[in-house]
Amino acid sequence: MKLKKKMFKRKREKTDNSLGKMNTIIGKGTVCEGIINTAGSLRLDGDFKGEIKVEGDLIVGENAAVDAVIEANNVYVGGYIRGNIHTEGKVDLAPTGAFFGDMLVGHLNVEEGALFKGNCEMHDPKKEPIVKQAPMEEIEC
């Protein structure tokens, strides 16, 4: 009996993981502007302009167009994003994804076919705190 209890307990732990759960969905054909704050995860399949703060994961679907400053745990880019991303987790740029802007990430995965134009700074949040540096002065030669 103890073995069965352990098996069920392990299975329950895996299903309780919120990584795959979507708490909020903005569907295809929807156009929104403003600020989104959510403690869960968010999937965007429509158009959005503004600011996005997601404590969970952000998924930008193939048909989505986003112009925003984004903070999320992990970001999957299947559509179009113009703006900035700040995450301690991972950014995945899918083959259908396009990103224009700057990102500060823990990990970056760019698949073949994805479009990325901007700057990326990778950091290890466990080893180093995020420190914003002042821009370097230009020196004429």
N, C-alpha and C. Protein backbone atom coordinates (compact mmCIF):
# COMPACT_ATOMS: atom_id res chain seq x y z
N MET A 1 0.82 -1.20 0.00
CA MET A 1 0.00 0.00 0.00
C MET A 1 0.85 1.26 0.00
N LYS A 2 1.95 1.25 0.71
CA LYS A 2 2.79 2.45 0.76
C LYS A 2 3.30 2.81 -0.62
N LEU A 3 3.62 1.83 -1.43
CA LEU A 3 4.10 2.08 -2.78
C LEU A 3 3.04 2.78 -3.62
N LYS A 4 1.78 2.36 -3.49
CA LYS A 4 0.70 3.00 -4.25
C LYS A 4 0.51 4.45 -3.81
N LYS A 5 0.59 4.71 -2.52
CA LYS A 5 0.43 6.07 -2.04
C LYS A 5 1.52 6.97 -2.60
N LYS A 6 2.73 6.47 -2.65
CA LYS A 6 3.82 7.25 -3.21
C LYS A 6 3.58 7.52 -4.69
N MET A 7 3.11 6.52 -5.41
CA MET A 7 2.87 6.70 -6.83
C MET A 7 1.82 7.78 -7.06
N PHE A 8 0.74 7.75 -6.28
CA PHE A 8 -0.30 8.76 -6.44
C PHE A 8 0.20 10.14 -6.03
N LYS A 9 1.00 10.18 -5.00
CA LYS A 9 1.53 11.45 -4.52
C LYS A 9 2.42 12.09 -5.58
N ARG A 10 3.29 11.32 -6.19
CA ARG A 10 4.15 11.85 -7.25
C ARG A 10 3.32 12.37 -8.42
N LYS A 11 2.32 11.62 -8.79
CA LYS A 11 1.47 12.02 -9.92
C LYS A 11 0.75 13.33 -9.60
N ARG A 12 0.27 13.47 -8.41
CA ARG A 12 -0.44 14.67 -7.99
C ARG A 12 0.51 15.87 -8.03
N GLU A 13 1.75 15.69 -7.58
CA GLU A 13 2.71 16.78 -7.61
C GLU A 13 2.95 17.27 -9.03
N LYS A 14 3.02 16.36 -9.97
CA LYS A 14 3.25 16.74 -11.37
C LYS A 14 2.05 17.50 -11.93
N THR A 15 0.84 17.09 -11.59
CA THR A 15 -0.34 17.75 -12.13
C THR A 15 -0.62 19.08 -11.45
N ASP A 16 -0.10 19.30 -10.23
CA ASP A 16 -0.29 20.57 -9.54
C ASP A 16 0.61 21.66 -10.11
N ASN A 17 1.59 21.31 -10.89
CA ASN A 17 2.50 22.28 -11.47
C ASN A 17 1.73 23.23 -12.39
N SER A 18 1.83 24.52 -12.17
CA SER A 18 1.05 25.50 -12.93
C SER A 18 1.71 25.92 -14.23
N LEU A 19 2.86 25.34 -14.58
CA LEU A 19 3.56 25.74 -15.80
C LEU A 19 2.67 25.61 -17.03
N GLY A 20 1.88 24.57 -17.13
CA GLY A 20 1.06 24.36 -18.31
C GLY A 20 -0.31 25.00 -18.25
N LYS A 21 -0.72 25.53 -17.10
CA LYS A 21 -2.05 26.09 -16.94
C LYS A 21 -2.11 27.51 -17.49
N MET A 22 -3.18 27.80 -18.20
CA MET A 22 -3.43 29.16 -18.67
C MET A 22 -4.58 29.73 -17.86
N ASN A 23 -4.30 30.79 -17.12
CA ASN A 23 -5.32 31.43 -16.31
C ASN A 23 -6.10 32.48 -17.09
N THR A 24 -5.44 33.12 -18.06
CA THR A 24 -6.07 34.18 -18.83
C THR A 24 -5.74 33.98 -20.30
N ILE A 25 -6.77 34.11 -21.15
CA ILE A 25 -6.58 33.99 -22.60
C ILE A 25 -7.22 35.19 -23.28
N ILE A 26 -6.46 35.83 -24.15
CA ILE A 26 -6.99 36.89 -24.99
C ILE A 26 -7.01 36.32 -26.40
N GLY A 27 -8.20 36.10 -26.92
CA GLY A 27 -8.39 35.35 -28.15
C GLY A 27 -8.09 36.11 -29.43
N LYS A 28 -7.98 35.35 -30.50
CA LYS A 28 -7.76 35.88 -31.85
C LYS A 28 -8.90 36.83 -32.21
N GLY A 29 -8.56 37.95 -32.81
CA GLY A 29 -9.56 38.94 -33.20
C GLY A 29 -9.84 39.97 -32.12
N THR A 30 -9.27 39.78 -30.92
CA THR A 30 -9.45 40.73 -29.83
C THR A 30 -8.33 41.76 -29.86
N VAL A 31 -8.70 43.03 -29.67
CA VAL A 31 -7.72 44.12 -29.63
C VAL A 31 -7.83 44.79 -28.28
N CYS A 32 -6.71 44.86 -27.54
CA CYS A 32 -6.71 45.45 -26.20
C CYS A 32 -5.57 46.46 -26.09
N GLU A 33 -5.77 47.43 -25.21
CA GLU A 33 -4.73 48.40 -24.92
C GLU A 33 -4.78 48.71 -23.43
N GLY A 34 -3.62 48.78 -22.79
CA GLY A 34 -3.60 49.11 -21.37
C GLY A 34 -2.55 48.35 -20.60
N ILE A 35 -2.89 47.97 -19.38
CA ILE A 35 -1.97 47.27 -18.49
C ILE A 35 -2.61 45.95 -18.07
N ILE A 36 -1.86 44.86 -18.21
CA ILE A 36 -2.31 43.55 -17.75
C ILE A 36 -1.40 43.12 -16.61
N ASN A 37 -1.98 42.84 -15.45
CA ASN A 37 -1.29 42.27 -14.30
C ASN A 37 -2.00 40.98 -13.96
N THR A 38 -1.26 39.87 -13.93
CA THR A 38 -1.89 38.61 -13.54
C THR A 38 -0.92 37.77 -12.72
N ALA A 39 -1.47 37.10 -11.71
CA ALA A 39 -0.67 36.22 -10.87
C ALA A 39 -0.46 34.87 -11.54
N GLY A 40 -1.26 34.56 -12.54
CA GLY A 40 -1.15 33.28 -13.24
C GLY A 40 -0.42 33.42 -14.55
N SER A 41 -0.80 32.61 -15.52
CA SER A 41 -0.20 32.64 -16.85
C SER A 41 -1.16 33.29 -17.83
N LEU A 42 -0.63 33.75 -18.95
CA LEU A 42 -1.41 34.47 -19.94
C LEU A 42 -1.08 33.97 -21.34
N ARG A 43 -2.12 33.77 -22.14
CA ARG A 43 -1.94 33.44 -23.56
C ARG A 43 -2.59 34.55 -24.38
N LEU A 44 -1.80 35.12 -25.30
CA LEU A 44 -2.27 36.18 -26.18
C LEU A 44 -2.35 35.65 -27.60
N ASP A 45 -3.54 35.66 -28.18
CA ASP A 45 -3.71 35.30 -29.58
C ASP A 45 -4.25 36.49 -30.37
N GLY A 46 -4.55 37.58 -29.68
CA GLY A 46 -5.05 38.79 -30.32
C GLY A 46 -3.97 39.86 -30.37
N ASP A 47 -4.40 41.12 -30.43
CA ASP A 47 -3.47 42.25 -30.48
C ASP A 47 -3.51 42.98 -29.15
N PHE A 48 -2.33 43.40 -28.68
CA PHE A 48 -2.25 44.10 -27.41
C PHE A 48 -1.18 45.17 -27.47
N LYS A 49 -1.48 46.32 -26.85
CA LYS A 49 -0.52 47.42 -26.75
C LYS A 49 -0.54 47.92 -25.32
N GLY A 50 0.64 48.01 -24.69
CA GLY A 50 0.70 48.52 -23.33
C GLY A 50 1.78 47.88 -22.51
N GLU A 51 1.38 47.39 -21.33
CA GLU A 51 2.32 46.82 -20.37
C GLU A 51 1.75 45.49 -19.86
N ILE A 52 2.63 44.47 -19.80
CA ILE A 52 2.20 43.14 -19.35
C ILE A 52 3.10 42.70 -18.21
N LYS A 53 2.49 42.39 -17.06
CA LYS A 53 3.21 41.83 -15.92
C LYS A 53 2.54 40.51 -15.56
N VAL A 54 3.27 39.42 -15.78
CA VAL A 54 2.73 38.08 -15.57
C VAL A 54 3.65 37.35 -14.60
N GLU A 55 3.10 36.88 -13.48
CA GLU A 55 3.91 36.12 -12.54
C GLU A 55 4.18 34.71 -13.05
N GLY A 56 3.34 34.22 -13.93
CA GLY A 56 3.52 32.91 -14.55
C GLY A 56 4.19 33.06 -15.90
N ASP A 57 3.71 32.31 -16.88
CA ASP A 57 4.29 32.30 -18.22
C ASP A 57 3.42 33.10 -19.18
N LEU A 58 4.06 33.67 -20.19
CA LEU A 58 3.36 34.39 -21.25
C LEU A 58 3.56 33.63 -22.55
N ILE A 59 2.46 33.31 -23.23
CA ILE A 59 2.52 32.68 -24.55
C ILE A 59 1.91 33.65 -25.55
N VAL A 60 2.69 34.02 -26.55
CA VAL A 60 2.21 34.89 -27.62
C VAL A 60 2.02 34.00 -28.84
N GLY A 61 0.76 33.76 -29.20
CA GLY A 61 0.42 32.86 -30.29
C GLY A 61 0.81 33.39 -31.66
N GLU A 62 0.76 32.52 -32.66
CA GLU A 62 1.18 32.85 -34.03
C GLU A 62 0.47 34.06 -34.62
N ASN A 63 -0.80 34.26 -34.28
CA ASN A 63 -1.58 35.35 -34.87
C ASN A 63 -1.54 36.63 -34.04
N ALA A 64 -0.82 36.63 -32.94
CA ALA A 64 -0.79 37.78 -32.04
C ALA A 64 0.19 38.85 -32.51
N ALA A 65 -0.16 40.10 -32.21
CA ALA A 65 0.73 41.24 -32.43
C ALA A 65 0.76 42.03 -31.13
N VAL A 66 1.94 42.15 -30.54
CA VAL A 66 2.08 42.77 -29.23
C VAL A 66 3.09 43.91 -29.30
N ASP A 67 2.72 45.05 -28.74
CA ASP A 67 3.61 46.20 -28.61
C ASP A 67 3.59 46.55 -27.13
N ALA A 68 4.59 46.04 -26.38
CA ALA A 68 4.49 46.16 -24.93
C ALA A 68 5.83 46.00 -24.23
N VAL A 69 5.84 46.47 -23.00
CA VAL A 69 6.90 46.17 -22.05
C VAL A 69 6.41 44.95 -21.28
N ILE A 70 7.22 43.90 -21.25
CA ILE A 70 6.77 42.61 -20.72
C ILE A 70 7.67 42.16 -19.57
N GLU A 71 7.02 41.75 -18.47
CA GLU A 71 7.69 41.07 -17.37
C GLU A 71 6.95 39.77 -17.15
N ALA A 72 7.67 38.64 -17.21
CA ALA A 72 7.04 37.33 -17.03
C ALA A 72 8.08 36.33 -16.56
N ASN A 73 7.59 35.20 -16.08
CA ASN A 73 8.49 34.14 -15.65
C ASN A 73 9.20 33.52 -16.85
N ASN A 74 8.45 33.11 -17.85
CA ASN A 74 8.97 32.59 -19.12
C ASN A 74 8.11 33.18 -20.23
N VAL A 75 8.71 33.35 -21.43
CA VAL A 75 7.97 33.92 -22.55
C VAL A 75 8.17 33.04 -23.78
N TYR A 76 7.06 32.65 -24.41
CA TYR A 76 7.10 31.91 -25.67
C TYR A 76 6.58 32.85 -26.74
N VAL A 77 7.39 33.08 -27.78
CA VAL A 77 7.04 34.01 -28.85
C VAL A 77 6.75 33.23 -30.12
N GLY A 78 5.47 33.09 -30.44
CA GLY A 78 5.06 32.44 -31.68
C GLY A 78 4.57 33.46 -32.68
N GLY A 79 4.29 34.67 -32.21
CA GLY A 79 3.78 35.76 -33.06
C GLY A 79 4.77 36.91 -33.11
N TYR A 80 4.23 38.13 -33.10
CA TYR A 80 5.02 39.34 -33.27
C TYR A 80 5.05 40.15 -31.97
N ILE A 81 6.25 40.51 -31.53
CA ILE A 81 6.38 41.38 -30.36
C ILE A 81 7.34 42.52 -30.69
N ARG A 82 6.90 43.74 -30.38
CA ARG A 82 7.77 44.92 -30.42
C ARG A 82 7.74 45.48 -29.01
N GLY A 83 8.93 45.61 -28.40
CA GLY A 83 8.99 46.13 -27.04
C GLY A 83 10.17 45.55 -26.29
N ASN A 84 10.04 45.45 -25.00
CA ASN A 84 11.11 44.93 -24.16
C ASN A 84 10.58 43.78 -23.30
N ILE A 85 11.46 42.82 -23.06
CA ILE A 85 11.12 41.66 -22.22
C ILE A 85 12.12 41.60 -21.07
N HIS A 86 11.59 41.39 -19.87
CA HIS A 86 12.42 41.18 -18.69
C HIS A 86 11.94 39.90 -18.02
N THR A 87 12.80 38.90 -17.96
CA THR A 87 12.45 37.64 -17.32
C THR A 87 13.67 37.01 -16.68
N GLU A 88 13.45 36.36 -15.56
CA GLU A 88 14.53 35.59 -14.95
C GLU A 88 14.54 34.17 -15.50
N GLY A 89 13.52 33.84 -16.26
CA GLY A 89 13.39 32.51 -16.86
C GLY A 89 13.92 32.47 -18.28
N LYS A 90 13.10 31.89 -19.18
CA LYS A 90 13.54 31.62 -20.54
C LYS A 90 12.62 32.31 -21.54
N VAL A 91 13.23 32.74 -22.64
CA VAL A 91 12.47 33.24 -23.79
C VAL A 91 12.70 32.26 -24.93
N ASP A 92 11.60 31.76 -25.49
CA ASP A 92 11.64 30.87 -26.66
C ASP A 92 11.10 31.63 -27.86
N LEU A 93 11.92 31.78 -28.89
CA LEU A 93 11.47 32.37 -30.15
C LEU A 93 11.21 31.23 -31.11
N ALA A 94 9.94 31.00 -31.42
CA ALA A 94 9.53 29.92 -32.32
C ALA A 94 9.82 30.30 -33.77
N PRO A 95 9.80 29.35 -34.69
CA PRO A 95 10.05 29.64 -36.10
C PRO A 95 9.09 30.68 -36.68
N THR A 96 7.90 30.79 -36.13
CA THR A 96 6.91 31.77 -36.60
C THR A 96 7.01 33.09 -35.84
N GLY A 97 7.90 33.17 -34.85
CA GLY A 97 8.00 34.33 -33.98
C GLY A 97 8.90 35.42 -34.53
N ALA A 98 8.57 36.66 -34.15
CA ALA A 98 9.38 37.83 -34.50
C ALA A 98 9.44 38.73 -33.28
N PHE A 99 10.65 39.13 -32.90
CA PHE A 99 10.82 40.01 -31.75
C PHE A 99 11.71 41.17 -32.13
N PHE A 100 11.24 42.39 -31.84
CA PHE A 100 11.99 43.61 -32.09
C PHE A 100 12.07 44.38 -30.78
N GLY A 101 13.26 44.46 -30.21
CA GLY A 101 13.42 45.18 -28.96
C GLY A 101 14.57 44.63 -28.16
N ASP A 102 14.57 44.95 -26.88
CA ASP A 102 15.63 44.52 -25.97
C ASP A 102 15.06 43.54 -24.97
N MET A 103 15.91 42.60 -24.55
CA MET A 103 15.47 41.64 -23.54
C MET A 103 16.58 41.37 -22.53
N LEU A 104 16.16 41.18 -21.31
CA LEU A 104 17.02 40.76 -20.21
C LEU A 104 16.46 39.43 -19.75
N VAL A 105 17.21 38.34 -19.97
CA VAL A 105 16.68 36.99 -19.76
C VAL A 105 17.66 36.11 -19.01
N GLY A 106 17.13 35.01 -18.48
CA GLY A 106 17.99 33.98 -17.90
C GLY A 106 18.53 33.07 -18.99
N HIS A 107 17.66 32.69 -19.95
CA HIS A 107 18.02 31.82 -21.06
C HIS A 107 17.28 32.28 -22.31
N LEU A 108 17.93 32.09 -23.46
CA LEU A 108 17.31 32.46 -24.73
C LEU A 108 17.44 31.30 -25.69
N ASN A 109 16.31 30.93 -26.32
CA ASN A 109 16.29 29.89 -27.32
C ASN A 109 15.68 30.47 -28.59
N VAL A 110 16.48 30.54 -29.66
CA VAL A 110 16.00 31.07 -30.94
C VAL A 110 15.99 29.92 -31.94
N GLU A 111 14.80 29.55 -32.39
CA GLU A 111 14.68 28.46 -33.35
C GLU A 111 14.89 28.98 -34.78
N GLU A 112 15.29 28.08 -35.66
CA GLU A 112 15.51 28.43 -37.06
C GLU A 112 14.22 28.99 -37.66
N GLY A 113 14.33 30.12 -38.31
CA GLY A 113 13.17 30.77 -38.92
C GLY A 113 12.65 31.94 -38.11
N ALA A 114 13.02 32.02 -36.83
CA ALA A 114 12.58 33.13 -35.99
C ALA A 114 13.32 34.40 -36.39
N LEU A 115 12.69 35.54 -36.11
CA LEU A 115 13.29 36.84 -36.41
C LEU A 115 13.54 37.56 -35.10
N PHE A 116 14.77 38.02 -34.91
CA PHE A 116 15.14 38.74 -33.69
C PHE A 116 16.00 39.93 -34.07
N LYS A 117 15.51 41.12 -33.75
CA LYS A 117 16.28 42.33 -34.02
C LYS A 117 16.27 43.16 -32.74
N GLY A 118 17.41 43.29 -32.13
CA GLY A 118 17.50 44.04 -30.89
C GLY A 118 18.70 43.59 -30.09
N ASN A 119 18.61 43.76 -28.79
CA ASN A 119 19.70 43.40 -27.88
C ASN A 119 19.19 42.40 -26.86
N CYS A 120 20.09 41.50 -26.47
CA CYS A 120 19.75 40.53 -25.44
C CYS A 120 20.88 40.47 -24.43
N GLU A 121 20.52 40.59 -23.17
CA GLU A 121 21.49 40.42 -22.09
C GLU A 121 21.02 39.23 -21.28
N MET A 122 21.91 38.23 -21.16
CA MET A 122 21.57 37.03 -20.39
C MET A 122 22.25 37.11 -19.03
N HIS A 123 21.54 36.64 -18.02
CA HIS A 123 22.08 36.66 -16.66
C HIS A 123 21.63 35.40 -15.94
N ASP A 124 22.33 35.11 -14.87
CA ASP A 124 21.95 33.98 -14.02
C ASP A 124 21.38 34.56 -12.74
N PRO A 125 20.05 34.57 -12.59
CA PRO A 125 19.45 35.21 -11.42
C PRO A 125 19.86 34.58 -10.09
N LYS A 126 20.32 33.34 -10.12
CA LYS A 126 20.73 32.67 -8.88
C LYS A 126 22.10 33.15 -8.43
N LYS A 127 22.93 33.57 -9.39
CA LYS A 127 24.31 33.94 -9.07
C LYS A 127 24.54 35.44 -9.00
N GLU A 128 23.81 36.19 -9.76
CA GLU A 128 24.08 37.63 -9.81
C GLU A 128 22.78 38.43 -9.81
N PRO A 129 22.75 39.48 -9.03
CA PRO A 129 21.56 40.34 -9.06
C PRO A 129 21.57 41.18 -10.34
N ILE A 130 20.39 41.59 -10.76
CA ILE A 130 20.28 42.42 -11.95
C ILE A 130 20.67 43.84 -11.57
N VAL A 131 21.68 44.35 -12.25
CA VAL A 131 22.15 45.71 -12.01
C VAL A 131 22.05 46.47 -13.32
N LYS A 132 21.29 47.53 -13.30
CA LYS A 132 21.18 48.35 -14.50
C LYS A 132 22.36 49.30 -14.54
N GLN A 133 23.10 49.27 -15.64
CA GLN A 133 24.28 50.10 -15.78
C GLN A 133 23.93 51.34 -16.61
N ALA A 134 24.64 52.41 -16.28
CA ALA A 134 24.47 53.62 -17.06
C ALA A 134 25.10 53.41 -18.42
N PRO A 135 24.56 54.02 -19.47
CA PRO A 135 25.15 53.85 -20.79
C PRO A 135 26.58 54.36 -20.83
N MET A 136 27.39 53.68 -21.61
CA MET A 136 28.80 54.08 -21.73
C MET A 136 28.90 55.35 -22.57
N GLU A 137 29.85 56.18 -22.21
CA GLU A 137 30.05 57.42 -22.95
C GLU A 137 30.77 57.09 -24.25
N GLU A 138 30.42 57.81 -25.30
CA GLU A 138 31.09 57.63 -26.57
C GLU A 138 32.38 58.43 -26.56
N ILE A 139 33.41 57.82 -27.10
CA ILE A 139 34.72 58.47 -27.18
C ILE A 139 35.10 58.60 -28.64
N GLU A 140 35.42 59.81 -29.05
CA GLU A 140 35.84 60.02 -30.43
C GLU A 140 37.32 59.72 -30.56
N CYS A 141 37.70 59.08 -31.65
CA CYS A 141 39.11 58.77 -31.90
C CYS A 141 39.68 59.69 -32.96
